[in-house]
């Protein structure tokens, strides 16, 4: 049901099929195109991982690789940590009602991200989600906390952790021009999986719960700091509505943004 990529079709010598998809997309979007254009394959691109560390991308890569690792370390850490914290006791180690309520937080976080992503900058959303995670996790270890407060903290922790991890997935490809975007996203995803794997060992380590919670709080605070200083995305559409296209945005990457809109 989803059209194939015109660029991929052109690279396979199927220019006619690519043209049909472009014309159909233009009609759906109310754009008038001259039907006499031809679709040709893009020039072969040799950009590799070294391009992620040139003068333009090195700081961006450092921020996004760190975010990918820390956000998934924190997210999966919370997922593994909550069943232990919300356990009812030795004979009934899983409080399924409480766990179900905490899982609802992920739905809330996803809905919030979808509703706000076109209105609020990615950096602000990431920083806010990370700070909410840092504030909610310690509540789970406080003594004499009412059950409703613990459940609320668990819900917020799951929701904010999911929001941060999901937004990291979005901002990583948005941060690079089209010539190196797929490579950047692949390496970012690799670092995210390393973070997810590392947290399973840390979560099971013979370390006191306060130490583990403190580590996740530190990761969450570092995520907020990184989000606050990381460069904004260069992909068209990576800024909220009303800001996209303003003077000073995208000038440095004008050529790469234009290439996003061509075949």
Protein backbone atom coordinates (compact mmCIF):
# COMPACT_ATOMS: atom_id res chain seq x y z
CA UNK A 1 0.00 0.00 0.00
CA UNK A 2 3.03 2.29 0.35
CA UNK A 3 4.73 3.51 -2.83
CA UNK A 4 8.31 2.48 -3.45
CA UNK A 5 11.02 5.12 -3.22
CA UNK A 6 11.33 6.95 -6.57
CA UNK A 7 15.07 7.31 -5.96
CA UNK A 8 15.39 3.53 -5.54
CA UNK A 9 13.31 2.87 -8.65
CA UNK A 10 15.43 5.29 -10.68
CA UNK A 11 18.61 3.61 -9.47
CA UNK A 12 17.19 0.31 -10.79
CA UNK A 13 16.46 1.77 -14.21
CA UNK A 14 12.70 2.02 -13.56
CA UNK A 15 12.35 5.70 -14.33
CA UNK A 16 8.81 5.32 -15.69
CA UNK A 17 7.56 3.78 -12.44
CA UNK A 18 9.35 6.47 -10.43
CA UNK A 19 7.71 9.20 -12.53
CA UNK A 20 4.25 7.75 -11.96
CA UNK A 21 4.75 7.84 -8.19
CA UNK A 22 6.02 11.43 -8.30
CA UNK A 23 3.06 12.54 -10.42
CA UNK A 24 0.62 10.80 -8.08
CA UNK A 25 2.23 12.42 -5.03
CA UNK A 26 2.04 15.83 -6.73
CA UNK A 27 -1.66 15.36 -7.45
CA UNK A 28 -2.40 14.35 -3.84
CA UNK A 29 -0.55 17.42 -2.54
CA UNK A 30 -2.11 19.82 -5.03
CA UNK A 31 1.15 20.52 -6.86
CA UNK A 32 1.25 21.05 -10.63
CA UNK A 33 4.22 19.45 -12.38
CA UNK A 34 5.29 19.59 -16.01
CA UNK A 35 4.65 16.01 -17.19
CA UNK A 36 7.61 16.15 -19.57
CA UNK A 37 10.30 15.74 -16.90
CA UNK A 38 12.59 12.72 -16.79
CA UNK A 39 13.78 10.79 -13.74
CA UNK A 40 17.46 9.92 -13.64
CA UNK A 41 19.46 7.99 -11.02
CA UNK A 42 21.33 10.01 -8.42
CA UNK A 43 25.09 10.13 -8.59
CA UNK A 44 26.74 7.37 -6.56
CA UNK A 45 27.53 8.56 -3.06
CA UNK A 46 30.75 7.44 -1.36
CA UNK A 47 30.19 9.20 1.97
CA UNK A 48 31.05 6.95 4.90
CA UNK A 49 31.30 7.04 8.66
CA UNK A 50 34.27 9.43 8.49
CA UNK A 51 31.82 12.09 7.27
CA UNK A 52 30.19 11.99 10.71
CA UNK A 53 33.37 13.46 12.19
CA UNK A 54 34.20 16.26 9.78
CA UNK A 55 34.20 19.88 10.93
CA UNK A 56 30.48 20.21 10.25
CA UNK A 57 29.28 17.06 12.02
CA UNK A 58 31.72 16.18 14.80
CA UNK A 59 29.90 18.00 17.64
CA UNK A 60 26.52 16.88 16.32
CA UNK A 61 27.71 13.27 16.21
CA UNK A 62 29.09 13.44 19.74
CA UNK A 63 25.73 14.72 21.00
CA UNK A 64 23.57 12.27 19.08
CA UNK A 65 25.70 9.20 19.79
CA UNK A 66 25.66 10.09 23.49
CA UNK A 67 21.89 10.58 23.39
CA UNK A 68 21.32 7.26 21.65
CA UNK A 69 23.34 5.39 24.26
CA UNK A 70 22.00 7.19 27.34
CA UNK A 71 18.33 7.33 26.30
CA UNK A 72 18.12 3.60 25.66
CA UNK A 73 20.20 2.79 28.73
CA UNK A 74 17.70 4.81 30.77
CA UNK A 75 14.58 3.51 29.03
CA UNK A 76 15.35 -0.18 29.31
CA UNK A 77 16.74 0.38 32.79
CA UNK A 78 13.37 1.77 33.91
CA UNK A 79 11.54 -1.09 32.20
CA UNK A 80 13.66 -3.66 34.05
CA UNK A 81 13.76 -1.74 37.31
CA UNK A 82 10.04 -1.13 37.87
CA UNK A 83 8.95 -4.78 38.32
CA UNK A 84 11.43 -5.11 41.19
CA UNK A 85 10.32 -1.87 42.84
CA UNK A 86 6.62 -2.55 42.41
CA UNK A 87 6.84 -6.13 43.65
CA UNK A 88 4.22 -6.96 46.22
CA UNK A 89 6.41 -9.31 48.25
CA UNK A 90 8.48 -12.47 48.19
CA UNK A 91 5.46 -14.73 47.64
CA UNK A 92 3.93 -12.45 45.00
CA UNK A 93 6.90 -10.80 43.26
CA UNK A 94 4.86 -9.08 40.56
CA UNK A 95 2.18 -6.53 41.20
CA UNK A 96 0.57 -6.77 37.79
CA UNK A 97 -2.01 -4.06 38.44
CA UNK A 98 0.71 -1.56 39.27
CA UNK A 99 2.86 -2.67 36.34
CA UNK A 100 -0.07 -2.27 33.95
CA UNK A 101 -0.70 1.25 35.18
CA UNK A 102 2.96 2.13 34.77
CA UNK A 103 2.91 0.79 31.20
CA UNK A 104 0.08 3.21 30.40
CA UNK A 105 2.72 5.89 30.83
CA UNK A 106 4.31 4.81 27.56
CA UNK A 107 1.03 5.39 25.74
CA UNK A 108 0.72 8.81 27.37
CA UNK A 109 4.32 9.64 26.46
CA UNK A 110 3.83 8.62 22.83
CA UNK A 111 0.60 10.60 22.48
CA UNK A 112 2.23 13.64 24.08
CA UNK A 113 5.18 13.43 21.71
CA UNK A 114 2.90 13.18 18.67
CA UNK A 115 0.82 16.14 19.86
CA UNK A 116 3.75 18.41 20.73
CA UNK A 117 6.40 17.59 18.15
CA UNK A 118 5.03 20.07 15.59
CA UNK A 119 4.61 22.79 18.22
CA UNK A 120 7.68 22.48 20.45
CA UNK A 121 11.29 22.10 19.43
CA UNK A 122 12.86 18.65 19.64
CA UNK A 123 15.50 19.95 22.02
CA UNK A 124 12.90 21.30 24.44
CA UNK A 125 10.86 18.08 24.39
CA UNK A 126 13.95 15.94 24.91
CA UNK A 127 15.19 18.07 27.78
CA UNK A 128 11.74 18.13 29.42
CA UNK A 129 11.29 14.37 29.12
CA UNK A 130 14.76 13.73 30.52
CA UNK A 131 14.20 16.02 33.50
CA UNK A 132 10.83 14.38 34.24
CA UNK A 133 12.61 11.04 34.27
CA UNK A 134 15.28 12.35 36.63
CA UNK A 135 12.63 13.70 39.03
CA UNK A 136 10.27 10.71 38.98
CA UNK A 137 12.67 7.78 39.45
CA UNK A 138 13.91 8.72 42.97
CA UNK A 139 10.30 8.86 44.25
CA UNK A 140 10.11 5.09 43.78
CA UNK A 141 12.69 4.54 46.52
CA UNK A 142 11.31 6.95 49.08
CA UNK A 143 10.00 5.33 52.23
CA UNK A 144 6.45 5.88 53.45
CA UNK A 145 5.31 7.07 50.02
CA UNK A 146 1.58 6.51 49.37
CA UNK A 147 0.87 3.84 46.80
CA UNK A 148 -0.83 6.35 44.50
CA UNK A 149 2.27 8.56 44.51
CA UNK A 150 4.51 5.60 43.68
CA UNK A 151 2.21 4.58 40.83
CA UNK A 152 2.15 8.13 39.53
CA UNK A 153 5.95 8.28 39.62
CA UNK A 154 6.18 4.93 37.83
CA UNK A 155 3.77 6.13 35.15
CA UNK A 156 5.73 9.35 34.63
CA UNK A 157 9.05 7.46 34.56
CA UNK A 158 7.87 5.06 31.87
CA UNK A 159 6.26 7.83 29.83
CA UNK A 160 9.20 10.24 29.97
CA UNK A 161 11.75 7.50 29.28
CA UNK A 162 9.77 6.38 26.25
CA UNK A 163 9.38 9.96 25.04
CA UNK A 164 13.14 10.59 25.28
CA UNK A 165 14.08 7.35 23.52
CA UNK A 166 11.52 7.92 20.74
CA UNK A 167 12.62 11.51 20.15
CA UNK A 168 16.24 10.40 19.97
CA UNK A 169 15.23 8.06 17.16
CA UNK A 170 13.73 11.05 15.33
CA UNK A 171 16.45 13.67 15.86
CA UNK A 172 19.30 11.38 14.79
CA UNK A 173 18.51 11.21 11.05
CA UNK A 174 17.20 14.80 11.12
CA UNK A 175 20.62 16.01 12.22
CA UNK A 176 22.46 15.15 8.99
CA UNK A 177 22.21 16.03 5.33
CA UNK A 178 20.95 13.44 2.89
CA UNK A 179 24.39 12.27 1.72
CA UNK A 180 25.25 10.69 5.08
CA UNK A 181 21.87 10.41 6.81
CA UNK A 182 21.43 6.63 6.54
CA UNK A 183 24.96 6.00 7.82
CA UNK A 184 24.41 8.36 10.75
CA UNK A 185 21.11 6.74 11.69
CA UNK A 186 22.62 3.25 11.51
CA UNK A 187 25.50 4.10 13.82
CA UNK A 188 23.19 5.91 16.21
CA UNK A 189 20.97 2.83 16.33
CA UNK A 190 24.01 0.66 17.07
CA UNK A 191 24.91 2.86 20.06
CA UNK A 192 21.30 2.67 21.25
CA UNK A 193 21.45 -1.15 21.24
CA UNK A 194 24.75 -1.05 23.12
CA UNK A 195 23.07 1.09 25.78
CA UNK A 196 20.11 -1.30 25.98
CA UNK A 197 22.45 -4.27 26.40
CA UNK A 198 24.63 -2.53 28.99
CA UNK A 199 21.67 -1.63 31.20
CA UNK A 200 20.61 -5.28 31.49
CA UNK A 201 23.94 -6.09 33.16
CA UNK A 202 23.88 -2.98 35.32
CA UNK A 203 20.32 -3.65 36.39
CA UNK A 204 21.27 -7.13 37.57
CA UNK A 205 24.54 -6.14 39.20
CA UNK A 206 25.04 -6.70 42.92
CA UNK A 207 24.74 -3.01 43.71
CA UNK A 208 22.41 -1.23 46.11
CA UNK A 209 19.17 0.16 44.70
CA UNK A 210 20.02 3.77 45.66
CA UNK A 211 23.22 3.53 43.63
CA UNK A 212 21.37 2.22 40.60
CA UNK A 213 18.66 4.85 40.88
CA UNK A 214 21.31 7.53 41.28
CA UNK A 215 23.01 6.35 38.09
CA UNK A 216 19.78 6.55 36.10
CA UNK A 217 19.15 10.03 37.47
CA UNK A 218 22.62 11.07 36.36
CA UNK A 219 22.01 9.63 32.89
CA UNK A 220 18.69 11.48 32.66
CA UNK A 221 20.24 14.80 33.72
CA UNK A 222 23.07 14.32 31.20
CA UNK A 223 20.45 13.68 28.48
CA UNK A 224 18.75 16.97 29.31
CA UNK A 225 22.08 18.81 29.16
CA UNK A 226 22.99 17.24 25.81
CA UNK A 227 19.56 18.03 24.38
CA UNK A 228 19.96 21.67 25.42
CA UNK A 229 23.25 22.17 23.54
CA UNK A 230 22.96 19.82 20.56
CA UNK A 231 22.67 21.47 17.12
CA UNK A 232 19.20 21.63 15.63
CA UNK A 233 18.22 19.34 12.79
CA UNK A 234 18.91 20.16 9.14
CA UNK A 235 16.25 17.97 7.55
CA UNK A 236 13.25 19.83 6.21
CA UNK A 237 10.45 19.58 8.76
CA UNK A 238 12.71 19.17 11.78
CA UNK A 239 11.52 22.41 13.33
CA UNK A 240 8.09 23.23 14.74
CA UNK A 241 5.46 24.77 12.47
CA UNK A 242 5.89 28.52 12.15
CA UNK A 243 9.66 28.37 12.68
CA UNK A 244 10.66 26.26 9.69
CA UNK A 245 12.12 28.34 6.90
CA UNK A 246 12.80 31.47 8.94
CA UNK A 247 15.93 33.43 8.12
CA UNK A 248 19.04 31.89 9.61
CA UNK A 249 17.64 28.38 9.71
CA UNK A 250 19.07 25.89 7.29
CA UNK A 251 21.24 28.42 5.40
CA UNK A 252 24.34 26.35 5.99
CA UNK A 253 22.60 23.24 4.73
CA UNK A 254 20.52 24.80 1.97
CA UNK A 255 21.93 22.50 -0.68
CA UNK A 256 21.31 19.33 1.33
CA UNK A 257 17.76 20.43 2.17
CA UNK A 258 17.12 21.10 -1.51
CA UNK A 259 18.42 17.64 -2.37
CA UNK A 260 15.81 16.17 0.00
CA UNK A 261 13.14 17.58 -2.28
CA UNK A 262 14.60 16.33 -5.57
CA UNK A 263 14.85 12.86 -7.11
